[in-house]
Amino acid sequence: MTTEEYSFGIEKFWTSTQNSVKYFFNFIIPTHKTNYMDELKPNNWFYLWDFIGRALVAFGIYQTIQAFRKYKK
């Protein structure tokens, strides 16, 4: 049952999902806001690659620290 105010459909679900991707990645990484690219109007793939890139950099830093722990005096 639908009315003018409330309706159900895959189109509305897909649109709302696409609009909320940015907020999902802001929730995952609360110390990093993704509004620095808002003026360029990035698509949802930007937020995914931004997240993956930050995860890889963090893993690289972690691996570098672990590699040099054995040289502690």
N, C-alpha and C. Protein backbone atom coordinates (compact mmCIF):
# COMPACT_ATOMS: atom_id res chain seq x y z
N MET A 1 0.85 -1.16 0.00
CA MET A 1 0.00 0.00 0.00
C MET A 1 0.90 1.24 0.00
N THR A 2 0.63 2.16 -0.88
CA THR A 2 1.43 3.38 -0.95
C THR A 2 0.53 4.60 -0.93
N THR A 3 1.08 5.68 -0.49
CA THR A 3 0.40 6.97 -0.53
C THR A 3 1.35 7.94 -1.21
N GLU A 4 0.96 9.19 -1.27
CA GLU A 4 1.84 10.18 -1.87
C GLU A 4 3.06 10.42 -0.99
N GLU A 5 2.91 10.33 0.31
CA GLU A 5 4.01 10.58 1.21
C GLU A 5 4.90 9.36 1.40
N TYR A 6 4.30 8.20 1.42
CA TYR A 6 5.05 6.97 1.66
C TYR A 6 4.83 6.00 0.50
N SER A 7 5.93 5.56 -0.06
CA SER A 7 5.82 4.57 -1.11
C SER A 7 7.04 3.67 -1.06
N PHE A 8 6.91 2.51 -1.62
CA PHE A 8 8.00 1.56 -1.63
C PHE A 8 8.31 1.19 -3.08
N GLY A 9 9.56 1.19 -3.38
CA GLY A 9 9.97 0.80 -4.73
C GLY A 9 11.47 0.67 -4.77
N ILE A 10 11.97 -0.10 -5.69
CA ILE A 10 13.40 -0.33 -5.79
C ILE A 10 14.12 0.95 -6.22
N GLU A 11 13.44 1.82 -6.97
CA GLU A 11 14.08 3.07 -7.41
C GLU A 11 14.39 3.96 -6.22
N LYS A 12 13.46 4.10 -5.31
CA LYS A 12 13.70 4.93 -4.13
C LYS A 12 14.74 4.29 -3.22
N PHE A 13 14.71 2.98 -3.11
CA PHE A 13 15.71 2.30 -2.29
C PHE A 13 17.10 2.51 -2.86
N TRP A 14 17.27 2.36 -4.16
CA TRP A 14 18.58 2.52 -4.79
C TRP A 14 19.07 3.96 -4.68
N THR A 15 18.18 4.93 -4.86
CA THR A 15 18.56 6.33 -4.75
C THR A 15 18.99 6.67 -3.34
N SER A 16 18.26 6.21 -2.36
CA SER A 16 18.62 6.51 -0.97
C SER A 16 19.91 5.79 -0.58
N THR A 17 20.14 4.61 -1.12
CA THR A 17 21.39 3.90 -0.84
C THR A 17 22.57 4.65 -1.44
N GLN A 18 22.43 5.12 -2.65
CA GLN A 18 23.52 5.88 -3.27
C GLN A 18 23.80 7.18 -2.52
N ASN A 19 22.77 7.82 -2.01
CA ASN A 19 22.96 9.06 -1.28
C ASN A 19 23.58 8.85 0.09
N SER A 20 23.48 7.66 0.65
CA SER A 20 23.99 7.42 1.99
C SER A 20 25.38 6.79 2.02
N VAL A 21 25.98 6.50 0.89
CA VAL A 21 27.32 5.90 0.86
C VAL A 21 28.33 6.82 1.51
N LYS A 22 28.26 8.10 1.21
CA LYS A 22 29.19 9.09 1.78
C LYS A 22 29.10 9.07 3.31
N TYR A 23 27.90 9.02 3.83
CA TYR A 23 27.72 9.05 5.27
C TYR A 23 28.19 7.75 5.92
N PHE A 24 28.10 6.65 5.21
CA PHE A 24 28.59 5.38 5.73
C PHE A 24 30.10 5.44 5.94
N PHE A 25 30.85 5.94 4.95
CA PHE A 25 32.30 6.02 5.10
C PHE A 25 32.71 7.08 6.11
N ASN A 26 31.91 8.13 6.28
CA ASN A 26 32.17 9.08 7.36
C ASN A 26 31.98 8.41 8.72
N PHE A 27 31.05 7.48 8.82
CA PHE A 27 30.82 6.76 10.05
C PHE A 27 31.94 5.76 10.33
N ILE A 28 32.47 5.11 9.29
CA ILE A 28 33.54 4.13 9.44
C ILE A 28 34.82 4.81 9.94
N ILE A 29 35.15 5.97 9.38
CA ILE A 29 36.36 6.70 9.77
C ILE A 29 35.93 8.04 10.37
N PRO A 30 35.67 8.12 11.67
CA PRO A 30 35.16 9.37 12.25
C PRO A 30 36.21 10.48 12.32
N THR A 31 37.49 10.15 12.22
CA THR A 31 38.52 11.18 12.30
C THR A 31 38.79 11.84 10.96
N HIS A 32 38.19 11.35 9.90
CA HIS A 32 38.44 11.87 8.55
C HIS A 32 37.12 12.22 7.89
N LYS A 33 36.94 13.49 7.60
CA LYS A 33 35.74 13.92 6.90
C LYS A 33 36.04 13.97 5.40
N THR A 34 35.07 13.58 4.62
CA THR A 34 35.27 13.52 3.17
C THR A 34 34.72 14.74 2.46
N ASN A 35 34.55 15.85 3.16
CA ASN A 35 33.97 17.03 2.52
C ASN A 35 35.00 17.87 1.78
N TYR A 36 36.25 17.48 1.76
CA TYR A 36 37.25 18.26 1.05
C TYR A 36 37.13 18.14 -0.47
N MET A 37 36.35 17.18 -0.96
CA MET A 37 36.16 17.04 -2.40
C MET A 37 34.73 17.36 -2.83
N ASP A 38 33.92 17.90 -1.93
CA ASP A 38 32.51 18.15 -2.25
C ASP A 38 32.33 19.11 -3.41
N GLU A 39 33.23 20.06 -3.56
CA GLU A 39 33.05 21.03 -4.65
C GLU A 39 33.26 20.39 -6.02
N LEU A 40 33.96 19.24 -6.08
CA LEU A 40 34.14 18.54 -7.34
C LEU A 40 33.04 17.52 -7.61
N LYS A 41 32.14 17.34 -6.65
CA LYS A 41 31.02 16.41 -6.75
C LYS A 41 31.46 14.99 -7.15
N PRO A 42 32.20 14.33 -6.26
CA PRO A 42 32.67 12.98 -6.59
C PRO A 42 31.53 11.97 -6.55
N ASN A 43 31.71 10.87 -7.25
CA ASN A 43 30.71 9.81 -7.20
C ASN A 43 31.04 8.87 -6.05
N ASN A 44 30.26 7.83 -5.89
CA ASN A 44 30.42 6.93 -4.75
C ASN A 44 31.72 6.15 -4.78
N TRP A 45 32.26 5.94 -5.97
CA TRP A 45 33.53 5.21 -6.06
C TRP A 45 34.65 5.96 -5.39
N PHE A 46 34.62 7.27 -5.37
CA PHE A 46 35.66 8.05 -4.71
C PHE A 46 35.75 7.69 -3.24
N TYR A 47 34.61 7.60 -2.59
CA TYR A 47 34.61 7.31 -1.16
C TYR A 47 35.14 5.91 -0.88
N LEU A 48 34.82 4.96 -1.74
CA LEU A 48 35.35 3.61 -1.58
C LEU A 48 36.86 3.59 -1.75
N TRP A 49 37.38 4.23 -2.80
CA TRP A 49 38.83 4.23 -3.04
C TRP A 49 39.57 5.05 -1.98
N ASP A 50 38.94 6.10 -1.48
CA ASP A 50 39.54 6.86 -0.39
C ASP A 50 39.70 5.99 0.85
N PHE A 51 38.68 5.20 1.16
CA PHE A 51 38.73 4.30 2.31
C PHE A 51 39.79 3.22 2.12
N ILE A 52 39.83 2.60 0.94
CA ILE A 52 40.82 1.55 0.66
C ILE A 52 42.23 2.12 0.72
N GLY A 53 42.44 3.29 0.16
CA GLY A 53 43.75 3.92 0.20
C GLY A 53 44.22 4.21 1.61
N ARG A 54 43.33 4.71 2.43
CA ARG A 54 43.70 4.99 3.82
C ARG A 54 44.00 3.70 4.59
N ALA A 55 43.26 2.66 4.31
CA ALA A 55 43.52 1.37 4.97
C ALA A 55 44.88 0.82 4.55
N LEU A 56 45.23 0.93 3.28
CA LEU A 56 46.54 0.44 2.81
C LEU A 56 47.69 1.25 3.39
N VAL A 57 47.54 2.56 3.47
CA VAL A 57 48.59 3.39 4.07
C VAL A 57 48.76 3.04 5.54
N ALA A 58 47.67 2.87 6.26
CA ALA A 58 47.76 2.50 7.67
C ALA A 58 48.43 1.14 7.84
N PHE A 59 48.12 0.19 6.98
CA PHE A 59 48.75 -1.13 7.05
C PHE A 59 50.25 -1.03 6.74
N GLY A 60 50.62 -0.20 5.78
CA GLY A 60 52.04 0.00 5.46
C GLY A 60 52.81 0.62 6.62
N ILE A 61 52.21 1.57 7.30
CA ILE A 61 52.85 2.17 8.47
C ILE A 61 53.01 1.13 9.57
N TYR A 62 51.98 0.34 9.78
CA TYR A 62 52.05 -0.72 10.78
C TYR A 62 53.17 -1.71 10.45
N GLN A 63 53.27 -2.12 9.21
CA GLN A 63 54.30 -3.08 8.81
C GLN A 63 55.70 -2.50 8.98
N THR A 64 55.87 -1.22 8.68
CA THR A 64 57.17 -0.56 8.86
C THR A 64 57.57 -0.54 10.33
N ILE A 65 56.64 -0.22 11.19
CA ILE A 65 56.93 -0.21 12.63
C ILE A 65 57.29 -1.61 13.11
N GLN A 66 56.56 -2.62 12.66
CA GLN A 66 56.84 -3.99 13.08
C GLN A 66 58.20 -4.47 12.58
N ALA A 67 58.60 -4.01 11.40
CA ALA A 67 59.89 -4.44 10.84
C ALA A 67 61.06 -3.91 11.66
N PHE A 68 60.93 -2.74 12.23
CA PHE A 68 62.03 -2.14 12.97
C PHE A 68 61.93 -2.35 14.48
N ARG A 69 60.96 -3.09 14.97
CA ARG A 69 60.86 -3.36 16.40
C ARG A 69 61.99 -4.23 16.90
N LYS A 70 62.53 -5.08 16.07
CA LYS A 70 63.59 -5.99 16.52
C LYS A 70 64.91 -5.25 16.76
N TYR A 71 65.04 -4.01 16.27
CA TYR A 71 66.27 -3.26 16.45
C TYR A 71 66.24 -2.40 17.69
N LYS A 72 65.29 -2.66 18.59
CA LYS A 72 65.18 -1.90 19.83
C LYS A 72 66.38 -2.21 20.73
N LYS A 73 66.90 -1.22 21.43
CA LYS A 73 68.03 -1.46 22.34
C LYS A 73 67.56 -1.80 23.72
